[in-house]
Amino acid sequence: MTTSIFALIGANALFLIYSWLGSAIIAAYLSQRKGYGERPGLASGLLLNVIAIVVWLVFPSKEESLWKTVGPWGSTVKSERGVTEGTPADRGTTPPSADTTERT
């Protein structure tokens, strides 16, 4: 009888640890995207659990942050290449794969 109680406590503890670590990961991601680095978000996520996610969602972002330049879930690959919206034909450039010059 006591082993089944311990098993239930262990399963609940495992889910609580997953939610604790998941909220720390999300808070670290949000703080990094808002321009403050991962460490403040990770620390707040570990200390405040789910509340840290809400805190970082309402916390203002810096002007040069990825949150302002690319968006909350935008690709960093696009921002590093300088790619804006539209197709290459719309921008007047050709993609590297469509290069028709022969290389010898």
C-alpha atoms as a PDB file:
ATOM      1  CA  MET A   1       0.000   0.000   0.000  1.00  0.00           C
ATOM      2  CA  THR A   2       2.747   2.470   0.833  1.00  0.00           C
ATOM      3  CA  THR A   3       4.709   1.740  -2.336  1.00  0.00           C
ATOM      4  CA  SER A   4       1.790   2.812  -4.524  1.00  0.00           C
ATOM      5  CA  ILE A   5       1.545   6.119  -2.608  1.00  0.00           C
ATOM      6  CA  PHE A   6       5.265   6.729  -3.109  1.00  0.00           C
ATOM      7  CA  ALA A   7       4.881   5.901  -6.796  1.00  0.00           C
ATOM      8  CA  LEU A   8       2.113   8.500  -7.169  1.00  0.00           C
ATOM      9  CA  ILE A   9       4.164  11.113  -5.343  1.00  0.00           C
ATOM     10  CA  GLY A  10       7.131  10.339  -7.599  1.00  0.00           C
ATOM     11  CA  ALA A  11       5.071  10.762 -10.782  1.00  0.00           C
ATOM     12  CA  ASN A  12       3.680  14.098  -9.602  1.00  0.00           C
ATOM     13  CA  ALA A  13       7.147  15.260  -8.597  1.00  0.00           C
ATOM     14  CA  LEU A  14       8.443  14.373 -12.056  1.00  0.00           C
ATOM     15  CA  PHE A  15       5.743  16.439 -13.750  1.00  0.00           C
ATOM     16  CA  LEU A  16       6.425  19.364 -11.407  1.00  0.00           C
ATOM     17  CA  ILE A  17      10.139  19.220 -12.252  1.00  0.00           C
ATOM     18  CA  TYR A  18       9.309  19.161 -15.979  1.00  0.00           C
ATOM     19  CA  SER A  19       7.093  22.247 -15.619  1.00  0.00           C
ATOM     20  CA  TRP A  20       9.772  23.988 -13.526  1.00  0.00           C
ATOM     21  CA  LEU A  21      12.509  23.337 -16.086  1.00  0.00           C
ATOM     22  CA  GLY A  22      10.202  24.093 -19.013  1.00  0.00           C
ATOM     23  CA  SER A  23       9.280  27.478 -17.588  1.00  0.00           C
ATOM     24  CA  ALA A  24      12.976  28.243 -17.055  1.00  0.00           C
ATOM     25  CA  ILE A  25      13.696  27.377 -20.695  1.00  0.00           C
ATOM     26  CA  ILE A  26      10.839  29.539 -21.981  1.00  0.00           C
ATOM     27  CA  ALA A  27      11.813  32.469 -19.740  1.00  0.00           C
ATOM     28  CA  ALA A  28      15.443  32.217 -20.925  1.00  0.00           C
ATOM     29  CA  TYR A  29      14.287  32.235 -24.553  1.00  0.00           C
ATOM     30  CA  LEU A  30      12.031  35.248 -24.021  1.00  0.00           C
ATOM     31  CA  SER A  31      14.694  37.274 -22.212  1.00  0.00           C
ATOM     32  CA  GLN A  32      17.267  36.460 -24.888  1.00  0.00           C
ATOM     33  CA  ARG A  33      14.871  37.529 -27.667  1.00  0.00           C
ATOM     34  CA  LYS A  34      14.109  40.758 -25.802  1.00  0.00           C
ATOM     35  CA  GLY A  35      17.800  41.657 -25.691  1.00  0.00           C
ATOM     36  CA  TYR A  36      18.731  40.957 -22.059  1.00  0.00           C
ATOM     37  CA  GLY A  37      20.587  37.669 -22.518  1.00  0.00           C
ATOM     38  CA  GLU A  38      19.655  34.204 -21.359  1.00  0.00           C
ATOM     39  CA  ARG A  39      20.933  34.387 -17.779  1.00  0.00           C
ATOM     40  CA  PRO A  40      18.341  36.818 -16.342  1.00  0.00           C
ATOM     41  CA  GLY A  41      15.542  34.775 -17.887  1.00  0.00           C
ATOM     42  CA  LEU A  42      16.990  31.500 -16.684  1.00  0.00           C
ATOM     43  CA  ALA A  43      17.415  32.834 -13.148  1.00  0.00           C
ATOM     44  CA  SER A  44      13.906  34.258 -13.036  1.00  0.00           C
ATOM     45  CA  GLY A  45      12.485  31.083 -14.548  1.00  0.00           C
ATOM     46  CA  LEU A  46      14.153  28.915 -11.931  1.00  0.00           C
ATOM     47  CA  LEU A  47      13.070  31.155  -9.057  1.00  0.00           C
ATOM     48  CA  LEU A  48       9.573  32.186 -10.122  1.00  0.00           C
ATOM     49  CA  ASN A  49       8.443  29.142 -12.123  1.00  0.00           C
ATOM     50  CA  VAL A  50       5.481  29.938 -14.428  1.00  0.00           C
ATOM     51  CA  ILE A  51       5.207  33.546 -13.240  1.00  0.00           C
ATOM     52  CA  ALA A  52       8.535  34.315 -14.949  1.00  0.00           C
ATOM     53  CA  ILE A  53       7.014  33.606 -18.363  1.00  0.00           C
ATOM     54  CA  VAL A  54       4.331  36.216 -17.736  1.00  0.00           C
ATOM     55  CA  VAL A  55       6.936  38.652 -16.413  1.00  0.00           C
ATOM     56  CA  TRP A  56       9.093  38.321 -19.550  1.00  0.00           C
ATOM     57  CA  LEU A  57       6.091  38.623 -21.839  1.00  0.00           C
ATOM     58  CA  VAL A  58       5.171  42.035 -20.379  1.00  0.00           C
ATOM     59  CA  PHE A  59       8.771  43.225 -19.815  1.00  0.00           C
ATOM     60  CA  PRO A  60       9.746  45.849 -22.430  1.00  0.00           C
ATOM     61  CA  SER A  61      12.274  44.814 -25.045  1.00  0.00           C
ATOM     62  CA  LYS A  62      15.365  46.748 -26.089  1.00  0.00           C
ATOM     63  CA  GLU A  63      15.342  48.589 -29.412  1.00  0.00           C
ATOM     64  CA  GLU A  64      18.124  46.500 -30.998  1.00  0.00           C
ATOM     65  CA  SER A  65      16.711  43.182 -29.771  1.00  0.00           C
ATOM     66  CA  LEU A  66      15.527  40.348 -31.970  1.00  0.00           C
ATOM     67  CA  TRP A  67      12.038  40.831 -30.517  1.00  0.00           C
ATOM     68  CA  LYS A  68      11.847  44.275 -32.175  1.00  0.00           C
ATOM     69  CA  THR A  69      13.786  43.553 -35.372  1.00  0.00           C
ATOM     70  CA  VAL A  70      12.626  40.054 -36.337  1.00  0.00           C
ATOM     71  CA  GLY A  71       9.636  39.430 -34.081  1.00  0.00           C
ATOM     72  CA  PRO A  72       8.950  37.090 -31.176  1.00  0.00           C
ATOM     73  CA  TRP A  73       9.276  33.887 -33.205  1.00  0.00           C
ATOM     74  CA  GLY A  74      11.066  35.091 -36.333  1.00  0.00           C
ATOM     75  CA  SER A  75      14.039  33.281 -37.792  1.00  0.00           C
ATOM     76  CA  THR A  76      17.496  34.534 -36.913  1.00  0.00           C
ATOM     77  CA  VAL A  77      18.803  33.122 -40.194  1.00  0.00           C
ATOM     78  CA  LYS A  78      16.755  35.657 -42.127  1.00  0.00           C
ATOM     79  CA  SER A  79      18.029  38.548 -40.034  1.00  0.00           C
ATOM     80  CA  GLU A  80      21.663  37.475 -40.407  1.00  0.00           C
ATOM     81  CA  ARG A  81      21.350  37.300 -44.201  1.00  0.00           C
ATOM     82  CA  GLY A  82      19.496  40.590 -44.414  1.00  0.00           C
ATOM     83  CA  VAL A  83      16.536  38.948 -46.118  1.00  0.00           C
ATOM     84  CA  THR A  84      13.308  40.903 -46.010  1.00  0.00           C
ATOM     85  CA  GLU A  85       9.818  39.912 -47.005  1.00  0.00           C
ATOM     86  CA  GLY A  86       9.067  38.939 -50.580  1.00  0.00           C
ATOM     87  CA  THR A  87      10.571  36.580 -53.098  1.00  0.00           C
ATOM     88  CA  PRO A  88      13.971  37.163 -54.731  1.00  0.00           C
ATOM     89  CA  ALA A  89      12.229  38.227 -57.955  1.00  0.00           C
ATOM     90  CA  ASP A  90      10.327  40.899 -56.015  1.00  0.00           C
ATOM     91  CA  ARG A  91      13.587  42.288 -54.623  1.00  0.00           C
ATOM     92  CA  GLY A  92      15.344  42.245 -57.993  1.00  0.00           C
ATOM     93  CA  THR A  93      17.985  39.680 -57.031  1.00  0.00           C
ATOM     94  CA  THR A  94      18.509  36.097 -58.039  1.00  0.00           C
ATOM     95  CA  PRO A  95      18.979  33.307 -55.531  1.00  0.00           C
ATOM     96  CA  PRO A  96      22.418  31.615 -55.495  1.00  0.00           C
ATOM     97  CA  SER A  97      20.968  28.370 -56.903  1.00  0.00           C
ATOM     98  CA  ALA A  98      19.709  30.186 -60.024  1.00  0.00           C
ATOM     99  CA  ASP A  99      23.166  31.503 -60.934  1.00  0.00           C
ATOM    100  CA  THR A 100      23.639  30.790 -64.656  1.00  0.00           C
ATOM    101  CA  THR A 101      27.343  31.587 -64.987  1.00  0.00           C
ATOM    102  CA  GLU A 102      29.709  28.702 -65.587  1.00  0.00           C
ATOM    103  CA  ARG A 103      32.583  28.210 -63.246  1.00  0.00           C
ATOM    104  CA  THR A 104      35.772  26.717 -64.593  1.00  0.00           C
END
